[in-house]
Amino acid sequence: MARRPLPHILRNGGIQLARSRELARTAADSATDVLHPLITITRGLRRLASAGRRRWLATPKERRGALLFLVASVVLVVALLPYGPLLAVITLMAAAAWQGRDRAPATSDGPDESQIQRLRSLYEALVPYFSSAGDPDPLYTHGGAWENAFPEYEFDGTGRITHLLISYPAYYTDGEPESRARIEHLLAAKSGRGREYHFAWDEEGNQLTVRVLAPLPADIAAQRFVTSPGETVLGFTDPTRVRRTLPLTHGKEQRDVPPVVWRTGIRSAEPHLLAAGHPGSGTSTLLRSIALQALVHGDVMIIDGGGTGEYACLTGRDGVLSVECGLAGVLASLRWAAHETERRLIVTNRAHQAGDPPPADTRRPLWILLDRPSAFTHLATADGREDPQSLLQVPLRHGRPVNVTVVVADQLDSMEALTDAVRQHTRARVVLGPATPEQVAAVLGAPPHTTPVEHVPPGRGYARLGTGPVHRIQVPATPNPYDDATSDAHRQAVLDLLPARTTPADAETEARTPERPRPVPGLLSKAPVDETSVDTAPAMADRHT
């Protein structure tokens, strides 16, 4: 059966509609141009009428009679004068045209003199890097036109650059990190120090986008985050790099902030974490924040190499196995952790061979948090004892299948003291505090896409999970609640998150004798422990009282 052709209106209806729409738009624009004087006068008459009405309402009632007599006298005089009505109409139309004019301030399309000078100086500074002697048509020359090199630019209220699009020649070596670093350092210095800049290199289009980043919020206190089991919030970052947001409470306000979420557990690609920074950069704050989140679903063992009591608030809490700050106790705790990891592996393997699910005690996460383990390395070497870091090989290598997670925090100048097992198996990395791009790249394995600043608040830095991108990060404020320098709001926020304390510290000191660190109930009997090191472990309460 032959198909009948569609009617003409259906076949060409879209074209006719488009033409009709274009004709209507053209007619409307022409009518607006023709009737623009009438529209202006009408707008002016409406404004004059509104002004007269406001003046009439503002006049007291006892004076309105005199005002009406004055207006009537003026109208009578104008009507009796030769050409009076005509002059009155002309005057009224002129006043209406003046009142109905467009009062929007005229905006300049281009930059002002100071902004032009800043762009010109930036262009001249880039000439030695983006020019070549053999280029027949150079884009960058001394005294050249900066308009072709900077197609887009924005300034803030102080006249400093906030957004800049830079075009550069195709022969520039933008694929080399050293070449990029030189340009980024120059742009950060010429555009204004003290701010963080984000650099996006478009190698295909030979363009570089420079954008000023807003400061990350540093006043977000510790709180319960809306996360699932196995997710830990390390901090907060820029909304352009993360699609997910978390609802947070800030005082009496609610805000949505993009987080840096670290996933641990059996299916995690980065089961262990390494944090580095200078003293006072916020690494202890990060470990306290991780501990408070881990205690919701698991057990925590803390090794404090600083010896300043940063984790004394966690002593004796539910889920906290031990808080060790002595070499003997550290060795005993880490030896037990290694045996516990082996026990979990054996029990889980037997369950898999029998076709049964793993036991519940192996599914409960075990967190091992170490703050400055390099300090114990020096003590162990001087005392001729075993390095505590050597006991981390089993949890680091085999902890992921049995929900054992290791978090290590140390100073940047002590990175060489960390063992190979710690550096190889901690694929989630965090760098906090002021650091050079070289130091950040050495820890994270990739340079940051922003320019580090010299003065940053505690907890500010960079994070990278495995081979992912480098994120700016701000750790939530989780200070030591026993520190006098802590604000009342942040102290109370941490105290509200602490688990209950089943046994008071004083009673625990009197009742307990020196023994091994307290493991998960029911697990110690199944894990072999070196009794020689157990007898030398001091009591947990005695170390903090």
Protein backbone atom coordinates (compact mmCIF):
# COMPACT_ATOMS: atom_id res chain seq x y z
CA MET A 1 0.00 0.00 0.00
CA ALA A 2 1.54 3.31 -1.09
CA ARG A 3 2.04 5.96 1.55
CA ARG A 4 0.25 9.23 1.12
CA PRO A 5 2.37 12.36 1.48
CA LEU A 6 1.75 14.54 4.50
CA PRO A 7 -0.20 17.74 4.05
CA HIS A 8 1.76 20.81 3.19
CA ILE A 9 1.02 22.45 6.54
CA LEU A 10 2.48 19.44 8.43
CA ARG A 11 5.59 19.14 6.27
CA ASN A 12 6.57 22.81 6.39
CA GLY A 13 4.77 23.87 9.55
CA GLY A 14 7.97 24.25 11.61
CA ILE A 15 9.56 26.55 9.05
CA GLN A 16 6.44 28.70 8.80
CA LEU A 17 6.15 28.94 12.57
CA ALA A 18 9.77 30.00 12.86
CA ARG A 19 9.28 32.66 10.18
CA SER A 20 6.11 33.92 11.85
CA ARG A 21 7.86 34.10 15.21
CA GLU A 22 10.74 36.04 13.69
CA LEU A 23 8.37 38.47 11.95
CA ALA A 24 6.44 39.02 15.19
CA ARG A 25 9.68 39.69 17.09
CA THR A 26 10.82 42.17 14.41
CA ALA A 27 7.44 43.96 14.45
CA ALA A 28 7.53 44.19 18.25
CA ASP A 29 11.04 45.69 18.20
CA SER A 30 10.01 48.22 15.53
CA ALA A 31 6.89 49.19 17.46
CA THR A 32 8.95 49.63 20.62
CA ASP A 33 11.35 51.97 18.79
CA VAL A 34 8.50 54.00 17.28
CA LEU A 35 6.47 54.23 20.47
CA HIS A 36 9.44 54.82 22.75
CA PRO A 37 8.71 58.59 23.23
CA LEU A 38 5.07 57.82 24.05
CA ILE A 39 6.12 55.11 26.50
CA THR A 40 8.56 57.50 28.17
CA ILE A 41 5.96 60.27 28.53
CA THR A 42 3.36 57.83 29.87
CA ARG A 43 5.83 56.55 32.43
CA GLY A 44 6.65 60.13 33.44
CA LEU A 45 2.97 61.07 33.84
CA ARG A 46 2.48 58.05 36.06
CA ARG A 47 5.44 59.06 38.20
CA LEU A 48 4.21 62.68 38.44
CA ALA A 49 0.76 61.46 39.45
CA SER A 50 2.26 59.22 42.11
CA ALA A 51 4.39 62.08 43.43
CA GLY A 52 1.32 64.39 43.58
CA ARG A 53 -0.70 61.77 45.41
CA ARG A 54 2.09 61.27 47.97
CA ARG A 55 2.31 65.03 48.48
CA TRP A 56 -1.47 65.25 48.97
CA LEU A 57 -1.45 62.43 51.55
CA ALA A 58 1.51 64.02 53.38
CA THR A 59 -0.28 67.40 53.67
CA PRO A 60 -2.20 67.87 56.94
CA LYS A 61 -5.98 68.06 56.61
CA GLU A 62 -6.13 71.64 57.91
CA ARG A 63 -3.83 72.79 55.07
CA ARG A 64 -5.46 70.95 52.18
CA GLY A 65 -8.03 73.76 51.59
CA ALA A 66 -5.28 76.36 51.16
CA LEU A 67 -3.42 73.99 48.82
CA LEU A 68 -6.52 73.51 46.66
CA PHE A 69 -7.06 77.30 46.49
CA LEU A 70 -3.42 77.79 45.41
CA VAL A 71 -3.70 75.16 42.65
CA ALA A 72 -6.99 76.61 41.39
CA SER A 73 -5.46 80.12 41.29
CA VAL A 74 -2.50 78.88 39.23
CA VAL A 75 -4.82 77.09 36.80
CA LEU A 76 -6.98 80.23 36.43
CA VAL A 77 -3.96 82.47 35.78
CA VAL A 78 -2.57 80.03 33.20
CA ALA A 79 -5.95 79.83 31.46
CA LEU A 80 -6.23 83.67 31.20
CA LEU A 81 -2.69 84.18 29.84
CA PRO A 82 -2.12 84.33 26.07
CA TYR A 83 -1.01 80.85 24.90
CA GLY A 84 -1.17 79.78 28.54
CA PRO A 85 -2.80 76.35 28.03
CA LEU A 86 -0.40 75.52 25.19
CA LEU A 87 2.65 76.46 27.30
CA ALA A 88 1.25 74.46 30.23
CA VAL A 89 0.83 71.35 28.08
CA ILE A 90 4.38 71.72 26.67
CA THR A 91 5.79 72.16 30.18
CA LEU A 92 3.86 69.12 31.46
CA MET A 93 5.08 66.94 28.57
CA ALA A 94 8.68 68.06 29.13
CA ALA A 95 8.45 67.28 32.85
CA ALA A 96 6.89 63.88 32.09
CA ALA A 97 9.63 63.09 29.56
CA TRP A 98 12.28 64.01 32.13
CA GLN A 99 10.68 61.91 34.87
CA GLY A 100 10.07 58.94 32.55
CA ARG A 101 13.65 58.62 31.29
CA ASP A 102 15.68 55.45 31.96
CA ARG A 103 17.54 56.09 35.19
CA ALA A 104 19.77 53.00 35.11
CA PRO A 105 23.40 54.03 35.57
CA ALA A 106 25.55 53.64 32.53
CA THR A 107 27.95 50.75 32.89
CA SER A 108 31.29 50.63 31.22
CA ASP A 109 31.82 47.58 29.04
CA GLY A 110 35.59 47.56 29.43
CA PRO A 111 38.01 47.78 32.35
CA ASP A 112 39.06 51.07 33.86
CA GLU A 113 42.57 52.49 33.82
CA SER A 114 43.80 50.67 36.92
CA GLN A 115 42.47 47.35 35.65
CA ILE A 116 44.01 47.89 32.23
CA GLN A 117 47.35 48.61 33.87
CA ARG A 118 47.11 45.40 35.91
CA LEU A 119 46.28 43.32 32.82
CA ARG A 120 49.08 44.96 30.84
CA SER A 121 51.66 44.26 33.55
CA LEU A 122 50.50 40.65 33.76
CA TYR A 123 50.77 40.34 29.98
CA GLU A 124 54.33 41.72 30.00
CA ALA A 125 55.30 39.29 32.77
CA LEU A 126 54.13 36.33 30.65
CA VAL A 127 56.05 37.39 27.54
CA PRO A 128 59.34 35.60 28.48
CA TYR A 129 57.45 32.32 29.03
CA PHE A 130 54.96 32.35 26.14
CA SER A 131 57.16 33.80 23.37
CA SER A 132 59.65 32.22 20.98
CA ALA A 133 62.20 33.77 18.65
CA GLY A 134 61.05 31.61 15.71
CA ASP A 135 57.35 32.44 15.99
CA PRO A 136 56.30 34.35 12.82
CA ASP A 137 53.10 35.70 14.42
CA PRO A 138 53.77 35.84 18.18
CA LEU A 139 50.84 36.22 20.55
CA TYR A 140 53.09 37.57 23.30
CA THR A 141 55.49 40.39 22.50
CA HIS A 142 56.77 43.29 24.54
CA GLY A 143 54.35 46.15 24.03
CA GLY A 144 51.83 43.91 22.27
CA ALA A 145 48.04 43.82 22.58
CA TRP A 146 46.90 42.08 25.76
CA GLU A 147 43.28 41.91 24.52
CA ASN A 148 44.07 38.89 22.31
CA ALA A 149 45.79 37.03 25.16
CA PHE A 150 43.08 37.63 27.78
CA PRO A 151 39.65 37.04 26.17
CA GLU A 152 37.83 36.94 29.56
CA TYR A 153 38.53 38.68 32.84
CA GLU A 154 36.70 39.71 36.01
CA PHE A 155 37.67 41.97 38.91
CA ASP A 156 36.42 42.37 42.47
CA GLY A 157 35.56 45.58 44.27
CA THR A 158 39.20 46.24 45.16
CA GLY A 159 40.38 46.01 41.55
CA ARG A 160 42.08 42.61 41.88
CA ILE A 161 41.57 39.78 39.41
CA THR A 162 39.01 37.12 40.37
CA HIS A 163 38.67 35.28 37.03
CA LEU A 164 41.00 35.25 34.04
CA LEU A 165 41.11 33.22 30.82
CA ILE A 166 44.59 33.12 29.28
CA SER A 167 45.37 31.99 25.74
CA TYR A 168 48.90 30.74 25.12
CA PRO A 169 50.72 29.41 22.03
CA ALA A 170 50.48 25.75 21.13
CA TYR A 171 54.24 25.16 21.39
CA TYR A 172 54.33 25.88 25.12
CA THR A 173 55.18 22.78 27.15
CA ASP A 174 51.97 22.69 29.17
CA GLY A 175 52.30 18.94 29.71
CA GLU A 176 55.35 19.30 31.97
CA PRO A 177 54.69 19.89 35.69
CA GLU A 178 57.70 22.22 35.97
CA SER A 179 56.39 24.47 33.21
CA ARG A 180 52.96 24.63 34.77
CA ALA A 181 54.38 25.37 38.19
CA ARG A 182 56.35 28.37 36.87
CA ILE A 183 53.27 29.92 35.28
CA GLU A 184 51.08 29.26 38.32
CA HIS A 185 53.61 30.81 40.68
CA LEU A 186 53.93 33.89 38.47
CA LEU A 187 50.17 34.37 38.16
CA ALA A 188 49.64 33.99 41.91
CA ALA A 189 52.32 36.59 42.63
CA LYS A 190 51.10 39.11 40.04
CA SER A 191 47.38 38.70 40.75
CA GLY A 192 47.68 39.26 44.49
CA ARG A 193 49.16 37.22 47.31
CA GLY A 194 47.23 35.90 50.26
CA ARG A 195 44.53 34.23 48.12
CA GLU A 196 44.13 30.68 46.81
CA TYR A 197 43.94 30.34 43.02
CA HIS A 198 42.63 27.39 41.05
CA PHE A 199 44.29 26.63 37.70
CA ALA A 200 42.54 24.62 34.97
CA TRP A 201 44.73 23.80 31.97
CA ASP A 202 42.98 23.07 28.67
CA GLU A 203 45.74 21.43 26.66
CA GLU A 204 43.54 20.92 23.60
CA GLY A 205 42.40 24.52 23.38
CA ASN A 206 45.68 26.05 24.66
CA GLN A 207 43.89 28.00 27.35
CA LEU A 208 44.43 28.43 31.08
CA THR A 209 41.58 29.41 33.40
CA VAL A 210 42.53 31.13 36.65
CA ARG A 211 39.88 31.49 39.35
CA VAL A 212 40.09 32.82 42.90
CA LEU A 213 38.71 30.34 45.41
CA ALA A 214 36.58 31.45 48.33
CA PRO A 215 37.91 30.53 51.79
CA LEU A 216 36.63 27.24 53.13
CA PRO A 217 34.42 27.48 56.25
CA ALA A 218 36.66 27.03 59.30
CA ASP A 219 33.92 27.40 61.94
CA ILE A 220 32.04 24.11 61.42
CA ALA A 221 32.06 22.23 64.70
CA ALA A 222 32.13 18.46 65.17
CA GLN A 223 28.70 16.85 64.89
CA ARG A 224 26.90 13.75 63.69
CA PHE A 225 27.21 13.57 59.93
CA VAL A 226 24.60 11.96 57.69
CA THR A 227 26.71 9.07 56.43
CA SER A 228 26.31 5.34 56.06
CA PRO A 229 28.44 2.73 57.88
CA GLY A 230 31.91 2.62 56.36
CA GLU A 231 31.94 6.33 55.42
CA THR A 232 34.09 8.82 57.30
CA VAL A 233 34.00 12.57 56.72
CA LEU A 234 37.56 13.87 56.62
CA GLY A 235 36.57 17.48 56.05
CA PHE A 236 34.88 19.86 53.65
CA THR A 237 35.96 21.12 50.24
CA ASP A 238 34.90 23.26 47.28
CA PRO A 239 31.49 22.68 45.68
CA THR A 240 33.04 22.56 42.20
CA ARG A 241 35.00 19.35 42.87
CA VAL A 242 32.40 17.29 44.79
CA ARG A 243 28.79 16.68 43.74
CA ARG A 244 27.59 15.44 47.14
CA THR A 245 26.60 17.73 50.01
CA LEU A 246 25.88 17.11 53.69
CA PRO A 247 23.34 18.97 55.82
CA LEU A 248 25.20 20.58 58.73
CA THR A 249 24.20 22.57 61.77
CA HIS A 250 26.06 25.85 62.23
CA GLY A 251 24.76 27.52 65.36
CA LYS A 252 21.05 27.98 64.67
CA GLU A 253 21.47 27.79 60.90
CA GLN A 254 21.39 24.84 58.51
CA ARG A 255 23.74 24.70 55.55
CA ASP A 256 24.73 22.18 52.88
CA VAL A 257 28.49 21.75 52.51
CA PRO A 258 30.34 19.41 50.09
CA PRO A 259 32.39 16.86 52.08
CA VAL A 260 35.48 14.75 51.45
CA VAL A 261 34.19 11.26 52.30
CA TRP A 262 36.63 8.41 52.90
CA ARG A 263 35.16 4.93 52.46
CA THR A 264 36.63 2.03 54.43
CA GLY A 265 35.77 -1.61 54.78
CA ILE A 266 35.94 -4.73 52.66
CA ARG A 267 35.26 -3.01 49.32
CA SER A 268 37.42 0.03 49.94
CA ALA A 269 40.25 0.76 47.54
CA GLU A 270 41.99 2.96 50.13
CA PRO A 271 41.54 1.13 53.47
CA HIS A 272 44.24 3.03 55.40
CA LEU A 273 45.10 6.71 55.76
CA LEU A 274 48.22 8.81 56.31
CA ALA A 275 48.05 12.41 57.53
CA ALA A 276 51.05 14.76 57.65
CA GLY A 277 51.60 18.30 58.79
CA HIS A 278 53.66 20.63 60.93
CA PRO A 279 53.00 21.03 64.68
CA GLY A 280 49.73 22.89 65.21
CA SER A 281 48.44 22.11 61.71
CA GLY A 282 45.48 20.04 62.93
CA THR A 283 46.52 16.38 62.51
CA SER A 284 45.45 15.57 66.08
CA THR A 285 42.13 17.31 65.36
CA LEU A 286 41.68 15.06 62.33
CA LEU A 287 42.36 11.93 64.39
CA ARG A 288 39.87 13.02 67.08
CA SER A 289 37.25 13.65 64.41
CA ILE A 290 37.85 10.20 62.88
CA ALA A 291 37.73 8.56 66.34
CA LEU A 292 34.38 10.14 67.21
CA GLN A 293 32.90 8.95 63.92
CA ALA A 294 34.43 5.46 64.21
CA LEU A 295 33.02 4.91 67.71
CA VAL A 296 29.48 4.95 66.32
CA HIS A 297 29.90 1.55 64.61
CA GLY A 298 33.27 0.15 65.79
CA ASP A 299 36.08 -0.01 68.33
CA VAL A 300 39.09 2.30 68.50
CA MET A 301 42.65 1.85 69.73
CA ILE A 302 44.68 5.07 70.08
CA ILE A 303 48.47 5.41 70.18
CA ASP A 304 49.52 8.89 71.32
CA GLY A 305 53.14 9.62 70.48
CA GLY A 306 52.89 13.30 71.36
CA GLY A 307 52.48 12.62 75.05
CA THR A 308 50.46 15.79 75.62
CA GLY A 309 47.14 14.15 76.53
CA GLU A 310 45.34 15.13 73.34
CA TYR A 311 43.16 12.01 73.61
CA ALA A 312 42.58 11.90 77.36
CA CYS A 313 38.88 12.67 76.82
CA LEU A 314 38.49 9.24 75.17
CA THR A 315 39.95 7.25 78.06
CA GLY A 316 37.48 4.75 79.50
CA ARG A 317 34.77 5.47 76.93
CA ASP A 318 32.63 2.73 75.44
CA GLY A 319 34.32 1.32 72.37
CA VAL A 320 37.78 2.73 73.20
CA LEU A 321 40.02 -0.30 73.74
CA SER A 322 43.01 1.69 75.00
CA VAL A 323 44.76 5.04 74.87
CA GLU A 324 48.49 4.33 75.02
CA CYS A 325 51.30 6.86 75.38
CA GLY A 326 54.07 4.65 76.80
CA LEU A 327 56.41 2.44 74.82
CA ALA A 328 55.57 -0.76 76.72
CA GLY A 329 51.84 -0.23 76.39
CA VAL A 330 52.19 0.67 72.71
CA LEU A 331 54.09 -2.53 71.96
CA ALA A 332 51.52 -4.62 73.83
CA SER A 333 48.58 -2.94 72.11
CA LEU A 334 50.00 -3.23 68.61
CA ARG A 335 51.03 -6.84 69.21
CA TRP A 336 47.49 -7.62 70.26
CA ALA A 337 46.15 -5.81 67.18
CA ALA A 338 48.35 -7.95 64.93
CA HIS A 339 47.14 -11.15 66.64
CA GLU A 340 43.54 -9.96 66.46
CA THR A 341 43.91 -9.35 62.71
CA GLU A 342 45.30 -12.85 62.24
CA ARG A 343 42.49 -14.33 64.32
CA ARG A 344 39.88 -12.53 62.24
CA LEU A 345 41.49 -13.78 59.04
CA ILE A 346 41.45 -17.39 60.25
CA VAL A 347 37.85 -17.25 61.49
CA THR A 348 36.63 -15.53 58.34
CA ASN A 349 38.43 -18.05 56.12
CA ARG A 350 36.87 -20.96 57.96
CA ALA A 351 33.43 -19.40 57.62
CA HIS A 352 33.94 -18.91 53.88
CA GLN A 353 35.06 -22.53 53.44
CA ALA A 354 32.00 -23.74 55.32
CA GLY A 355 29.69 -21.51 53.31
CA ASP A 356 28.65 -19.49 56.36
CA PRO A 357 28.66 -15.72 56.83
CA PRO A 358 31.58 -14.26 58.78
CA PRO A 359 31.06 -14.04 62.55
CA ALA A 360 29.67 -10.81 63.95
CA ASP A 361 32.86 -9.99 65.87
CA THR A 362 34.86 -9.95 62.62
CA ARG A 363 32.38 -7.59 60.95
CA ARG A 364 32.68 -4.96 63.68
CA PRO A 365 35.27 -2.40 62.51
CA LEU A 366 38.52 -2.08 64.45
CA TRP A 367 40.33 1.25 64.14
CA ILE A 368 44.01 1.70 65.03
CA LEU A 369 44.86 5.41 65.30
CA LEU A 370 48.52 6.36 65.68
CA ASP A 371 49.63 9.92 66.35
CA ARG A 372 53.37 10.44 65.77
CA PRO A 373 54.55 6.81 65.74
CA SER A 374 58.04 8.00 64.75
CA ALA A 375 58.53 9.20 68.35
CA PHE A 376 58.26 5.59 69.57
CA THR A 377 60.67 4.48 66.86
CA HIS A 378 63.42 6.62 68.38
CA LEU A 379 62.58 5.41 71.88
CA ALA A 380 62.60 1.76 70.81
CA THR A 381 65.94 2.19 69.03
CA ALA A 382 67.51 3.82 72.09
CA ASP A 383 66.12 1.10 74.39
CA GLY A 384 67.04 -1.75 72.06
CA ARG A 385 63.45 -2.89 71.65
CA GLU A 386 61.25 -3.71 68.68
CA ASP A 387 60.05 -0.86 66.48
CA PRO A 388 56.28 -0.46 67.01
CA GLN A 389 55.82 0.29 63.31
CA SER A 390 56.96 -3.24 62.43
CA LEU A 391 53.87 -4.55 64.21
CA LEU A 392 51.65 -2.67 61.74
CA GLN A 393 52.55 -4.87 58.78
CA VAL A 394 49.81 -7.42 59.43
CA PRO A 395 46.98 -4.88 59.99
CA LEU A 396 48.14 -2.84 57.00
CA ARG A 397 48.55 -5.75 54.60
CA HIS A 398 45.61 -7.91 55.65
CA GLY A 399 43.31 -5.61 57.60
CA ARG A 400 40.92 -4.65 54.82
CA PRO A 401 39.13 -8.05 54.44
CA VAL A 402 38.45 -8.19 58.21
CA ASN A 403 37.47 -4.52 58.76
CA VAL A 404 40.72 -3.40 60.40
CA THR A 405 41.65 0.20 59.52
CA VAL A 406 44.91 1.96 60.33
CA VAL A 407 45.24 5.76 60.49
CA VAL A 408 48.71 7.26 60.92
CA ALA A 409 49.47 10.94 61.56
CA ASP A 410 52.97 12.34 61.74
CA GLN A 411 54.96 15.48 61.05
CA LEU A 412 56.26 16.38 57.61
CA ASP A 413 59.87 16.33 58.75
CA SER A 414 59.42 12.77 60.10
CA MET A 415 58.13 11.15 56.91
CA GLU A 416 61.46 9.40 56.37
CA ALA A 417 61.12 7.69 59.77
CA LEU A 418 57.97 5.87 58.62
CA THR A 419 58.45 2.30 57.47
CA ASP A 420 57.89 1.11 53.93
CA ALA A 421 54.75 -0.78 54.95
CA VAL A 422 53.17 2.42 56.29
CA ARG A 423 54.03 4.44 53.18
CA GLN A 424 52.96 1.74 50.72
CA HIS A 425 49.61 0.73 52.22
CA THR A 426 48.25 4.15 53.25
CA ARG A 427 46.84 5.22 49.89
CA ALA A 428 44.49 7.81 51.35
CA ARG A 429 46.59 10.88 52.12
CA VAL A 430 46.00 14.23 53.87
CA VAL A 431 48.42 17.17 54.22
CA LEU A 432 47.46 19.90 56.68
CA GLY A 433 48.93 23.29 57.48
CA PRO A 434 51.29 25.49 55.46
CA ALA A 435 53.34 23.42 53.04
CA THR A 436 55.19 24.01 49.79
CA PRO A 437 53.87 22.48 46.56
CA GLU A 438 56.83 20.11 46.57
CA GLN A 439 55.95 18.82 50.05
CA VAL A 440 52.31 18.39 49.10
CA ALA A 441 53.24 16.52 45.93
CA ALA A 442 55.68 14.28 47.84
CA VAL A 443 52.97 13.14 50.28
CA LEU A 444 49.93 13.03 47.99
CA GLY A 445 51.71 11.81 44.89
CA ALA A 446 50.33 14.66 42.76
CA PRO A 447 50.67 18.44 42.90
CA PRO A 448 47.67 20.51 43.98
CA HIS A 449 45.71 22.52 41.43
CA THR A 450 45.74 25.53 43.73
CA THR A 451 48.45 27.73 45.18
CA PRO A 452 49.13 27.06 48.88
CA VAL A 453 49.13 30.16 51.07
CA GLU A 454 51.48 30.88 53.95
CA HIS A 455 48.90 31.53 56.69
CA VAL A 456 46.06 29.01 56.99
CA PRO A 457 43.80 28.11 59.94
CA PRO A 458 44.33 24.79 61.73
CA GLY A 459 42.84 21.88 59.85
CA ARG A 460 43.23 23.45 56.38
CA GLY A 461 45.13 21.49 53.74
CA TYR A 462 44.78 19.01 50.89
CA ALA A 463 43.46 15.46 50.61
CA ARG A 464 43.71 12.76 47.98
CA LEU A 465 42.06 9.36 48.04
CA GLY A 466 44.13 6.88 46.08
CA THR A 467 44.60 8.04 42.50
CA GLY A 468 41.73 10.52 42.63
CA PRO A 469 41.95 14.29 42.33
CA VAL A 470 43.53 16.53 44.95
CA HIS A 471 40.92 18.34 47.05
CA ARG A 472 41.20 21.33 49.29
CA ILE A 473 40.04 20.30 52.74
CA GLN A 474 39.02 21.89 56.02
CA VAL A 475 38.79 19.51 58.96
CA PRO A 476 35.78 20.12 61.25
CA ALA A 477 36.71 21.81 64.51
CA THR A 478 37.26 18.92 66.95
CA PRO A 479 39.53 20.33 69.68
CA ASN A 480 40.59 18.73 72.93
CA PRO A 481 37.70 19.56 75.30
CA TYR A 482 40.11 19.65 78.26
CA ASP A 483 42.14 22.46 76.67
CA ASP A 484 41.54 25.87 78.27
CA ALA A 485 42.04 27.65 74.94
CA THR A 486 39.03 25.90 73.41
CA SER A 487 35.83 27.87 72.94
CA ASP A 488 32.76 26.80 74.91
CA ALA A 489 30.76 25.99 71.78
CA HIS A 490 33.42 23.68 70.30
CA ARG A 491 34.11 22.09 73.69
CA GLN A 492 30.46 21.29 74.22
CA ALA A 493 30.14 19.94 70.67
CA VAL A 494 32.93 17.40 71.33
CA LEU A 495 31.59 16.45 74.76
CA ASP A 496 28.16 15.75 73.26
CA LEU A 497 29.71 13.27 70.82
CA LEU A 498 31.74 11.33 73.39
CA PRO A 499 30.36 7.88 74.28
CA ALA A 500 29.35 7.10 77.83
CA ARG A 501 32.04 6.19 80.34
CA THR A 502 31.14 2.91 82.01
CA THR A 503 33.83 3.04 84.72
CA PRO A 504 35.09 6.31 86.24
CA ALA A 505 38.77 6.94 85.79
CA ASP A 506 39.46 7.06 89.56
CA ALA A 507 37.65 3.81 90.25
CA GLU A 508 39.35 2.17 87.29
CA THR A 509 42.76 3.23 88.64
CA GLU A 510 42.09 1.64 92.01
CA ALA A 511 40.46 -1.53 90.71
CA ARG A 512 42.68 -2.38 87.77
CA THR A 513 46.22 -3.66 87.90
CA PRO A 514 48.72 -3.36 85.06
CA GLU A 515 47.39 -5.55 82.26
CA ARG A 516 46.99 -5.81 78.55
CA PRO A 517 44.90 -3.14 76.73
CA ARG A 518 41.20 -3.91 76.87
CA PRO A 519 40.11 -5.63 73.63
CA VAL A 520 36.66 -6.21 72.28
CA PRO A 521 34.74 -8.36 74.79
CA GLY A 522 35.12 -12.04 74.01
CA LEU A 523 38.02 -11.64 71.58
CA LEU A 524 41.10 -11.65 73.80
CA SER A 525 40.70 -15.29 74.74
CA LYS A 526 40.98 -16.25 71.07
CA ALA A 527 44.05 -14.15 70.26
CA PRO A 528 47.54 -15.13 71.48
CA VAL A 529 49.38 -12.36 73.28
CA ASP A 530 52.99 -12.10 74.35
CA GLU A 531 52.73 -12.19 78.15
CA THR A 532 56.20 -10.70 78.63
CA SER A 533 55.15 -7.46 76.99
CA VAL A 534 51.74 -7.56 78.69
CA ASP A 535 53.23 -7.49 82.17
CA THR A 536 55.20 -4.35 81.39
CA ALA A 537 52.21 -2.34 80.10
CA PRO A 538 51.33 0.42 82.60
CA ALA A 539 47.73 0.99 83.60
CA MET A 540 45.79 3.25 81.25
CA ALA A 541 44.34 5.37 84.01
CA ASP A 542 47.68 5.88 85.72
CA ARG A 543 49.12 7.49 82.61
CA HIS A 544 46.45 10.19 82.48
CA THR A 545 46.00 10.98 86.19
